[in-house]
Amino acid sequence: MPSFTLIWLLAGAVLCLMELLLPSAFVAFMMGISALVVALLSGVGLGSVWLQVVVWLLLSTLLIVLSRRFLQPRQRKSKIQDAVIAETLTEIPPGKTGRVLYEGNSWQARCDDDKFTVPPNQRVYVVRREGTTLIVIPENLLSH
């Protein structure tokens, strides 16, 4: 009869190392920690293998849920403020993207009005950001 404590220790070590090689958002790591805890419990006489497996499953689930709750990245608000000024570097055709100079960097940009062409070297207002694309409105469009 194999030593279940040793099996749980090996399983825990393998799962924890797997997290380093194949990141799984701490799932493998939490399962590995659970296996190490079960190895300790097995070493002090935790009953049958089935009870050990049930404890491992419950502990793994609990640790994964808790890690999601406490390690989940907070939603960061966009650093782009409402109605900040940029300047077009290229033409922005209707419904397509062009480039704008915003805070010293070149950004991909699209006009908020899909029917309007924005010529190069024109001041625009950045109204929002969608991924890596800035949504802009030409300055002269707002003055009408």
C-alpha atoms as a PDB file:
ATOM      1  CA  MET A   1       0.000   0.000   0.000  1.00  0.00           C
ATOM      2  CA  PRO A   2       1.577   3.310  -1.111  1.00  0.00           C
ATOM      3  CA  SER A   3       2.069   6.161   1.294  1.00  0.00           C
ATOM      4  CA  PHE A   4      -0.753   8.580   0.508  1.00  0.00           C
ATOM      5  CA  THR A   5       1.086  11.357   2.321  1.00  0.00           C
ATOM      6  CA  LEU A   6       3.937  11.095  -0.180  1.00  0.00           C
ATOM      7  CA  ILE A   7       1.512  10.987  -3.110  1.00  0.00           C
ATOM      8  CA  TRP A   8      -0.251  14.143  -1.872  1.00  0.00           C
ATOM      9  CA  LEU A   9       3.122  15.887  -1.351  1.00  0.00           C
ATOM     10  CA  LEU A  10       4.209  15.024  -4.892  1.00  0.00           C
ATOM     11  CA  ALA A  11       0.857  16.070  -6.355  1.00  0.00           C
ATOM     12  CA  GLY A  12       1.031  19.379  -4.462  1.00  0.00           C
ATOM     13  CA  ALA A  13       4.581  20.078  -5.608  1.00  0.00           C
ATOM     14  CA  VAL A  14       3.762  19.212  -9.229  1.00  0.00           C
ATOM     15  CA  LEU A  15       0.655  21.413  -9.256  1.00  0.00           C
ATOM     16  CA  CYS A  16       2.521  24.363  -7.700  1.00  0.00           C
ATOM     17  CA  LEU A  17       5.347  24.000 -10.242  1.00  0.00           C
ATOM     18  CA  MET A  18       2.831  23.747 -13.084  1.00  0.00           C
ATOM     19  CA  GLU A  19       1.615  27.222 -12.162  1.00  0.00           C
ATOM     20  CA  LEU A  20       5.120  28.541 -12.817  1.00  0.00           C
ATOM     21  CA  LEU A  21       5.369  26.849 -16.206  1.00  0.00           C
ATOM     22  CA  LEU A  22       1.746  27.186 -17.378  1.00  0.00           C
ATOM     23  CA  PRO A  23       0.097  30.126 -15.626  1.00  0.00           C
ATOM     24  CA  SER A  24      -3.532  29.289 -14.877  1.00  0.00           C
ATOM     25  CA  ALA A  25      -4.617  32.315 -12.819  1.00  0.00           C
ATOM     26  CA  PHE A  26      -3.566  30.540  -9.588  1.00  0.00           C
ATOM     27  CA  VAL A  27      -5.907  27.571 -10.135  1.00  0.00           C
ATOM     28  CA  ALA A  28      -3.102  24.987 -10.277  1.00  0.00           C
ATOM     29  CA  PHE A  29      -1.297  26.734  -7.429  1.00  0.00           C
ATOM     30  CA  MET A  30      -4.374  26.667  -5.169  1.00  0.00           C
ATOM     31  CA  MET A  31      -4.956  23.007  -6.012  1.00  0.00           C
ATOM     32  CA  GLY A  32      -1.313  22.345  -5.157  1.00  0.00           C
ATOM     33  CA  ILE A  33      -1.607  24.153  -1.825  1.00  0.00           C
ATOM     34  CA  SER A  34      -4.722  22.090  -1.096  1.00  0.00           C
ATOM     35  CA  ALA A  35      -2.826  18.880  -1.889  1.00  0.00           C
ATOM     36  CA  LEU A  36      -0.036  19.917   0.480  1.00  0.00           C
ATOM     37  CA  VAL A  37      -2.578  20.584   3.255  1.00  0.00           C
ATOM     38  CA  VAL A  38      -4.161  17.180   2.632  1.00  0.00           C
ATOM     39  CA  ALA A  39      -0.661  15.639   2.794  1.00  0.00           C
ATOM     40  CA  LEU A  40      -0.245  17.156   6.260  1.00  0.00           C
ATOM     41  CA  LEU A  41      -3.668  15.892   7.311  1.00  0.00           C
ATOM     42  CA  SER A  42      -2.875  12.459   5.876  1.00  0.00           C
ATOM     43  CA  GLY A  43       0.358  12.414   7.847  1.00  0.00           C
ATOM     44  CA  VAL A  44      -1.530  12.959  11.114  1.00  0.00           C
ATOM     45  CA  GLY A  45      -4.053  10.238  10.338  1.00  0.00           C
ATOM     46  CA  LEU A  46      -6.868  11.679   8.177  1.00  0.00           C
ATOM     47  CA  GLY A  47      -9.105   8.692   7.352  1.00  0.00           C
ATOM     48  CA  SER A  48      -9.614   7.007   4.035  1.00  0.00           C
ATOM     49  CA  VAL A  49      -8.414   8.058   0.601  1.00  0.00           C
ATOM     50  CA  TRP A  50     -11.980   9.039  -0.344  1.00  0.00           C
ATOM     51  CA  LEU A  51     -12.165  11.444   2.599  1.00  0.00           C
ATOM     52  CA  GLN A  52      -8.794  12.892   1.580  1.00  0.00           C
ATOM     53  CA  VAL A  53     -10.023  13.424  -1.987  1.00  0.00           C
ATOM     54  CA  VAL A  54     -13.206  15.113  -0.736  1.00  0.00           C
ATOM     55  CA  VAL A  55     -11.184  17.393   1.569  1.00  0.00           C
ATOM     56  CA  TRP A  56      -8.821  18.216  -1.321  1.00  0.00           C
ATOM     57  CA  LEU A  57     -11.723  19.065  -3.661  1.00  0.00           C
ATOM     58  CA  LEU A  58     -13.490  21.222  -1.083  1.00  0.00           C
ATOM     59  CA  LEU A  59     -10.308  23.009  -0.033  1.00  0.00           C
ATOM     60  CA  SER A  60      -9.277  23.573  -3.670  1.00  0.00           C
ATOM     61  CA  THR A  61     -12.663  25.045  -4.502  1.00  0.00           C
ATOM     62  CA  LEU A  62     -12.609  27.289  -1.452  1.00  0.00           C
ATOM     63  CA  LEU A  63      -9.085  28.562  -2.149  1.00  0.00           C
ATOM     64  CA  ILE A  64      -9.832  29.198  -5.831  1.00  0.00           C
ATOM     65  CA  VAL A  65     -12.979  31.164  -4.994  1.00  0.00           C
ATOM     66  CA  LEU A  66     -11.157  33.175  -2.326  1.00  0.00           C
ATOM     67  CA  SER A  67      -8.196  33.856  -4.612  1.00  0.00           C
ATOM     68  CA  ARG A  68     -10.553  35.159  -7.298  1.00  0.00           C
ATOM     69  CA  ARG A  69     -12.172  37.470  -4.808  1.00  0.00           C
ATOM     70  CA  PHE A  70      -8.964  38.884  -3.320  1.00  0.00           C
ATOM     71  CA  LEU A  71      -6.543  38.665  -6.239  1.00  0.00           C
ATOM     72  CA  GLN A  72      -8.894  39.859  -8.982  1.00  0.00           C
ATOM     73  CA  PRO A  73      -7.441  42.990 -10.590  1.00  0.00           C
ATOM     74  CA  ARG A  74      -9.493  46.058  -9.919  1.00  0.00           C
ATOM     75  CA  GLN A  75     -11.047  47.707 -12.927  1.00  0.00           C
ATOM     76  CA  ARG A  76      -8.853  50.660 -13.700  1.00  0.00           C
ATOM     77  CA  LYS A  77     -10.510  53.737 -14.986  1.00  0.00           C
ATOM     78  CA  SER A  78      -9.152  55.094 -18.200  1.00  0.00           C
ATOM     79  CA  LYS A  79      -6.546  57.782 -17.695  1.00  0.00           C
ATOM     80  CA  ILE A  80      -8.115  59.700 -20.558  1.00  0.00           C
ATOM     81  CA  GLN A  81     -10.194  62.528 -19.210  1.00  0.00           C
ATOM     82  CA  ASP A  82     -13.302  63.877 -20.887  1.00  0.00           C
ATOM     83  CA  ALA A  83     -12.786  66.428 -23.646  1.00  0.00           C
ATOM     84  CA  VAL A  84      -8.995  66.582 -23.792  1.00  0.00           C
ATOM     85  CA  ILE A  85      -7.310  67.998 -26.851  1.00  0.00           C
ATOM     86  CA  ALA A  86      -5.231  66.063 -29.386  1.00  0.00           C
ATOM     87  CA  GLU A  87      -4.109  66.787 -32.951  1.00  0.00           C
ATOM     88  CA  THR A  88      -4.544  64.587 -36.002  1.00  0.00           C
ATOM     89  CA  LEU A  89      -1.346  63.377 -37.623  1.00  0.00           C
ATOM     90  CA  THR A  90      -3.089  61.701 -40.555  1.00  0.00           C
ATOM     91  CA  GLU A  91      -6.502  62.001 -42.125  1.00  0.00           C
ATOM     92  CA  ILE A  92      -9.236  60.025 -40.378  1.00  0.00           C
ATOM     93  CA  PRO A  93     -11.599  58.777 -43.116  1.00  0.00           C
ATOM     94  CA  PRO A  94     -15.294  58.177 -42.301  1.00  0.00           C
ATOM     95  CA  GLY A  95     -15.667  54.984 -40.251  1.00  0.00           C
ATOM     96  CA  LYS A  96     -11.917  54.241 -40.420  1.00  0.00           C
ATOM     97  CA  THR A  97      -8.931  54.956 -38.214  1.00  0.00           C
ATOM     98  CA  GLY A  98      -6.120  57.447 -38.507  1.00  0.00           C
ATOM     99  CA  ARG A  99      -3.432  58.707 -36.136  1.00  0.00           C
ATOM    100  CA  VAL A 100      -3.525  61.504 -33.570  1.00  0.00           C
ATOM    101  CA  LEU A 101      -0.889  63.055 -31.346  1.00  0.00           C
ATOM    102  CA  TYR A 102      -2.111  62.809 -27.759  1.00  0.00           C
ATOM    103  CA  GLU A 103       0.087  63.618 -24.748  1.00  0.00           C
ATOM    104  CA  GLY A 104       3.217  63.375 -26.892  1.00  0.00           C
ATOM    105  CA  ASN A 105       2.390  59.920 -28.294  1.00  0.00           C
ATOM    106  CA  SER A 106       0.893  58.753 -31.563  1.00  0.00           C
ATOM    107  CA  TRP A 107      -2.417  56.954 -31.046  1.00  0.00           C
ATOM    108  CA  GLN A 108      -4.781  55.175 -33.395  1.00  0.00           C
ATOM    109  CA  ALA A 109      -7.993  57.215 -33.544  1.00  0.00           C
ATOM    110  CA  ARG A 110     -11.467  57.072 -35.043  1.00  0.00           C
ATOM    111  CA  CYS A 111     -13.989  59.879 -35.408  1.00  0.00           C
ATOM    112  CA  ASP A 112     -17.087  59.529 -33.237  1.00  0.00           C
ATOM    113  CA  ASP A 113     -19.211  60.545 -36.252  1.00  0.00           C
ATOM    114  CA  ASP A 114     -18.827  57.794 -38.883  1.00  0.00           C
ATOM    115  CA  LYS A 115     -19.877  60.165 -41.684  1.00  0.00           C
ATOM    116  CA  PHE A 116     -17.215  62.811 -41.101  1.00  0.00           C
ATOM    117  CA  THR A 117     -13.652  63.028 -42.484  1.00  0.00           C
ATOM    118  CA  VAL A 118     -11.097  64.649 -40.200  1.00  0.00           C
ATOM    119  CA  PRO A 119      -8.172  66.231 -42.074  1.00  0.00           C
ATOM    120  CA  PRO A 120      -4.579  66.039 -40.817  1.00  0.00           C
ATOM    121  CA  ASN A 121      -3.164  68.706 -38.469  1.00  0.00           C
ATOM    122  CA  GLN A 122      -6.570  69.489 -36.966  1.00  0.00           C
ATOM    123  CA  ARG A 123      -7.339  69.851 -33.270  1.00  0.00           C
ATOM    124  CA  VAL A 124      -9.726  67.223 -31.950  1.00  0.00           C
ATOM    125  CA  TYR A 125     -11.280  66.371 -28.610  1.00  0.00           C
ATOM    126  CA  VAL A 126     -10.717  62.897 -27.223  1.00  0.00           C
ATOM    127  CA  VAL A 127     -14.091  61.777 -25.876  1.00  0.00           C
ATOM    128  CA  ARG A 128     -13.282  58.191 -24.898  1.00  0.00           C
ATOM    129  CA  ARG A 129     -11.001  55.248 -25.452  1.00  0.00           C
ATOM    130  CA  GLU A 130     -11.916  51.828 -26.857  1.00  0.00           C
ATOM    131  CA  GLY A 131      -8.969  49.520 -26.252  1.00  0.00           C
ATOM    132  CA  THR A 132      -5.993  51.189 -27.932  1.00  0.00           C
ATOM    133  CA  THR A 133      -8.113  53.415 -30.160  1.00  0.00           C
ATOM    134  CA  LEU A 134      -9.082  56.953 -29.172  1.00  0.00           C
ATOM    135  CA  ILE A 135     -12.513  58.179 -30.186  1.00  0.00           C
ATOM    136  CA  VAL A 136     -12.309  61.827 -31.202  1.00  0.00           C
ATOM    137  CA  ILE A 137     -14.521  64.700 -32.289  1.00  0.00           C
ATOM    138  CA  PRO A 138     -13.112  67.520 -34.439  1.00  0.00           C
ATOM    139  CA  GLU A 139     -12.962  70.891 -32.707  1.00  0.00           C
ATOM    140  CA  ASN A 140     -14.829  72.622 -35.556  1.00  0.00           C
ATOM    141  CA  LEU A 141     -17.681  70.076 -35.347  1.00  0.00           C
ATOM    142  CA  LEU A 142     -18.419  71.176 -31.784  1.00  0.00           C
ATOM    143  CA  SER A 143     -18.377  74.884 -32.611  1.00  0.00           C
ATOM    144  CA  HIS A 144     -21.274  74.601 -35.084  1.00  0.00           C
END
